[in-house]
Amino acid sequence: MSRVPGTFKERRRTLVELPVPPQLAALKAAATGLRRFSLGDCNILVSQEPLGPGGELWWHLSISHESRYPTWDEIKTARYELTPADVTMAMILPPPEEYVNVPAQDNVFHLHEIREGS
């Protein structure tokens, strides 16, 4: 059982690695180590992207579900299982014109690595 409070106290879900679909080729080219997983019915993409100063590679994780928002347990499990424990991840709500979700992907959350002073 995870030591992260609230993470699947009763039933642990299994992460399964899946192939990255061809339609994400452009994203794969911009990211380092893009990987795709499922967690129950959730779809997860995780990579390091040139988001930091000078193009420094920082972690980015997106988690989505076809018909509902991912639960807090699903978000936390993906974060702690797929990104290093010693980084700080945050869900950022940018100005509306900078929001990256497309209408067909309303049920997706993005977690970004943040660092002190960023």
C-alpha atoms as a PDB file:
ATOM      1  CA  MET A   1       0.000   0.000   0.000  1.00  0.00           C
ATOM      2  CA  SER A   2       1.262   3.472  -0.849  1.00  0.00           C
ATOM      3  CA  ARG A   3       2.438   5.796   1.905  1.00  0.00           C
ATOM      4  CA  VAL A   4       0.923   8.757   0.037  1.00  0.00           C
ATOM      5  CA  PRO A   5      -2.201   9.729   2.015  1.00  0.00           C
ATOM      6  CA  GLY A   6      -5.439   8.958   0.234  1.00  0.00           C
ATOM      7  CA  THR A   7      -3.931   6.940  -2.592  1.00  0.00           C
ATOM      8  CA  PHE A   8      -6.060   3.869  -3.171  1.00  0.00           C
ATOM      9  CA  LYS A   9      -6.459   2.930   0.466  1.00  0.00           C
ATOM     10  CA  GLU A  10      -8.716   0.005  -0.389  1.00  0.00           C
ATOM     11  CA  ARG A  11      -7.703  -1.192  -3.851  1.00  0.00           C
ATOM     12  CA  ARG A  12      -4.465  -0.670  -5.720  1.00  0.00           C
ATOM     13  CA  ARG A  13      -4.786  -0.119  -9.474  1.00  0.00           C
ATOM     14  CA  THR A  14      -2.135  -1.268 -11.892  1.00  0.00           C
ATOM     15  CA  LEU A  15      -0.313   0.946 -14.352  1.00  0.00           C
ATOM     16  CA  VAL A  16       0.076  -0.684 -17.757  1.00  0.00           C
ATOM     17  CA  GLU A  17       2.484   0.713 -20.343  1.00  0.00           C
ATOM     18  CA  LEU A  18       0.983   1.161 -23.806  1.00  0.00           C
ATOM     19  CA  PRO A  19       2.528   2.096 -27.158  1.00  0.00           C
ATOM     20  CA  VAL A  20       2.538   5.786 -28.076  1.00  0.00           C
ATOM     21  CA  PRO A  21       0.088   6.161 -30.986  1.00  0.00           C
ATOM     22  CA  PRO A  22       1.385   7.516 -34.331  1.00  0.00           C
ATOM     23  CA  GLN A  23      -0.848  10.607 -34.102  1.00  0.00           C
ATOM     24  CA  LEU A  24       1.339  11.806 -31.204  1.00  0.00           C
ATOM     25  CA  ALA A  25       4.513  11.779 -33.335  1.00  0.00           C
ATOM     26  CA  ALA A  26       4.882  15.590 -33.166  1.00  0.00           C
ATOM     27  CA  LEU A  27       4.549  15.540 -29.382  1.00  0.00           C
ATOM     28  CA  LYS A  28       7.041  12.686 -29.177  1.00  0.00           C
ATOM     29  CA  ALA A  29       9.516  14.688 -31.262  1.00  0.00           C
ATOM     30  CA  ALA A  30       9.270  17.686 -28.877  1.00  0.00           C
ATOM     31  CA  ALA A  31       9.481  15.618 -25.686  1.00  0.00           C
ATOM     32  CA  THR A  32      12.141  13.394 -24.185  1.00  0.00           C
ATOM     33  CA  GLY A  33      11.156   9.865 -23.274  1.00  0.00           C
ATOM     34  CA  LEU A  34       7.433  10.197 -23.993  1.00  0.00           C
ATOM     35  CA  ARG A  35       5.628   7.192 -22.519  1.00  0.00           C
ATOM     36  CA  ARG A  36       1.953   6.235 -22.374  1.00  0.00           C
ATOM     37  CA  PHE A  37       0.170   4.272 -19.666  1.00  0.00           C
ATOM     38  CA  SER A  38      -3.284   3.221 -18.606  1.00  0.00           C
ATOM     39  CA  LEU A  39      -4.479   3.222 -15.008  1.00  0.00           C
ATOM     40  CA  GLY A  40      -7.880   1.593 -15.005  1.00  0.00           C
ATOM     41  CA  ASP A  41      -9.803   3.630 -17.590  1.00  0.00           C
ATOM     42  CA  CYS A  42      -7.425   6.604 -17.426  1.00  0.00           C
ATOM     43  CA  ASN A  43      -4.923   7.409 -20.145  1.00  0.00           C
ATOM     44  CA  ILE A  44      -1.595   8.921 -19.043  1.00  0.00           C
ATOM     45  CA  LEU A  45       1.225  10.561 -20.979  1.00  0.00           C
ATOM     46  CA  VAL A  46       4.486  11.392 -19.231  1.00  0.00           C
ATOM     47  CA  SER A  47       7.690  12.936 -20.550  1.00  0.00           C
ATOM     48  CA  GLN A  48      10.344  15.516 -19.942  1.00  0.00           C
ATOM     49  CA  GLU A  49       9.882  18.649 -22.022  1.00  0.00           C
ATOM     50  CA  PRO A  50      11.980  21.776 -22.611  1.00  0.00           C
ATOM     51  CA  LEU A  51       9.840  23.907 -20.291  1.00  0.00           C
ATOM     52  CA  GLY A  52      12.523  25.305 -18.004  1.00  0.00           C
ATOM     53  CA  PRO A  53      14.951  28.189 -18.424  1.00  0.00           C
ATOM     54  CA  GLY A  54      17.123  27.762 -21.505  1.00  0.00           C
ATOM     55  CA  GLY A  55      15.070  24.759 -22.576  1.00  0.00           C
ATOM     56  CA  GLU A  56      15.914  22.782 -19.437  1.00  0.00           C
ATOM     57  CA  LEU A  57      13.972  19.492 -19.349  1.00  0.00           C
ATOM     58  CA  TRP A  58      11.160  19.445 -16.800  1.00  0.00           C
ATOM     59  CA  TRP A  59       8.562  16.731 -16.155  1.00  0.00           C
ATOM     60  CA  HIS A  60       5.062  16.944 -17.630  1.00  0.00           C
ATOM     61  CA  LEU A  61       2.287  14.448 -16.967  1.00  0.00           C
ATOM     62  CA  SER A  62      -1.207  14.466 -18.430  1.00  0.00           C
ATOM     63  CA  ILE A  63      -3.985  12.201 -17.220  1.00  0.00           C
ATOM     64  CA  SER A  64      -7.383  11.883 -18.858  1.00  0.00           C
ATOM     65  CA  HIS A  65     -10.555   9.841 -18.855  1.00  0.00           C
ATOM     66  CA  GLU A  66     -13.065   9.525 -21.665  1.00  0.00           C
ATOM     67  CA  SER A  67     -16.211  10.348 -19.677  1.00  0.00           C
ATOM     68  CA  ARG A  68     -15.230  11.897 -16.326  1.00  0.00           C
ATOM     69  CA  TYR A  69     -12.467  13.754 -14.546  1.00  0.00           C
ATOM     70  CA  PRO A  70      -9.642  11.564 -13.216  1.00  0.00           C
ATOM     71  CA  THR A  71      -9.971  11.100  -9.467  1.00  0.00           C
ATOM     72  CA  TRP A  72      -7.498  12.465  -6.955  1.00  0.00           C
ATOM     73  CA  ASP A  73      -6.341   8.891  -6.268  1.00  0.00           C
ATOM     74  CA  GLU A  74      -5.669   8.343  -9.979  1.00  0.00           C
ATOM     75  CA  ILE A  75      -3.800  11.642 -10.326  1.00  0.00           C
ATOM     76  CA  LYS A  76      -1.653  10.986  -7.264  1.00  0.00           C
ATOM     77  CA  THR A  77      -0.897   7.409  -8.240  1.00  0.00           C
ATOM     78  CA  ALA A  78       0.230   8.469 -11.720  1.00  0.00           C
ATOM     79  CA  ARG A  79       2.347  11.292 -10.330  1.00  0.00           C
ATOM     80  CA  TYR A  80       4.144   9.236  -7.675  1.00  0.00           C
ATOM     81  CA  GLU A  81       4.593   6.132  -9.817  1.00  0.00           C
ATOM     82  CA  LEU A  82       5.704   7.820 -13.053  1.00  0.00           C
ATOM     83  CA  THR A  83       7.736  10.873 -12.046  1.00  0.00           C
ATOM     84  CA  PRO A  84      10.633  11.114  -9.594  1.00  0.00           C
ATOM     85  CA  ALA A  85       9.593  11.495  -5.960  1.00  0.00           C
ATOM     86  CA  ASP A  86      12.039  14.350  -5.395  1.00  0.00           C
ATOM     87  CA  VAL A  87      10.420  16.763  -7.860  1.00  0.00           C
ATOM     88  CA  THR A  88       7.480  19.026  -7.081  1.00  0.00           C
ATOM     89  CA  MET A  89       4.565  18.723  -9.490  1.00  0.00           C
ATOM     90  CA  ALA A  90       1.709  21.206  -9.749  1.00  0.00           C
ATOM     91  CA  MET A  91      -1.553  21.574 -11.611  1.00  0.00           C
ATOM     92  CA  ILE A  92      -1.429  25.064 -13.107  1.00  0.00           C
ATOM     93  CA  LEU A  93      -4.468  26.999 -14.282  1.00  0.00           C
ATOM     94  CA  PRO A  94      -3.101  29.384 -16.925  1.00  0.00           C
ATOM     95  CA  PRO A  95      -4.907  32.295 -18.583  1.00  0.00           C
ATOM     96  CA  PRO A  96      -7.680  30.892 -20.831  1.00  0.00           C
ATOM     97  CA  GLU A  97      -5.835  31.731 -24.065  1.00  0.00           C
ATOM     98  CA  GLU A  98      -2.886  29.583 -22.927  1.00  0.00           C
ATOM     99  CA  TYR A  99      -4.968  26.528 -22.039  1.00  0.00           C
ATOM    100  CA  VAL A 100      -3.748  23.509 -24.014  1.00  0.00           C
ATOM    101  CA  ASN A 101      -6.742  21.154 -23.950  1.00  0.00           C
ATOM    102  CA  VAL A 102      -8.708  20.740 -27.117  1.00  0.00           C
ATOM    103  CA  PRO A 103     -12.537  20.470 -26.845  1.00  0.00           C
ATOM    104  CA  ALA A 104     -12.481  16.698 -27.380  1.00  0.00           C
ATOM    105  CA  GLN A 105     -10.236  16.366 -24.314  1.00  0.00           C
ATOM    106  CA  ASP A 106     -12.247  18.130 -21.612  1.00  0.00           C
ATOM    107  CA  ASN A 107     -11.434  15.505 -18.984  1.00  0.00           C
ATOM    108  CA  VAL A 108      -7.668  15.919 -18.890  1.00  0.00           C
ATOM    109  CA  PHE A 109      -5.432  17.385 -16.197  1.00  0.00           C
ATOM    110  CA  HIS A 110      -1.811  18.425 -16.669  1.00  0.00           C
ATOM    111  CA  LEU A 111       0.823  18.300 -13.955  1.00  0.00           C
ATOM    112  CA  HIS A 112       4.035  20.238 -14.488  1.00  0.00           C
ATOM    113  CA  GLU A 113       7.305  20.118 -12.621  1.00  0.00           C
ATOM    114  CA  ILE A 114       7.937  23.371 -10.795  1.00  0.00           C
ATOM    115  CA  ARG A 115      11.112  24.540  -9.161  1.00  0.00           C
ATOM    116  CA  GLU A 116      11.827  27.219  -6.608  1.00  0.00           C
ATOM    117  CA  GLY A 117      11.741  30.590  -8.309  1.00  0.00           C
ATOM    118  CA  SER A 118       9.860  29.304 -11.385  1.00  0.00           C
END
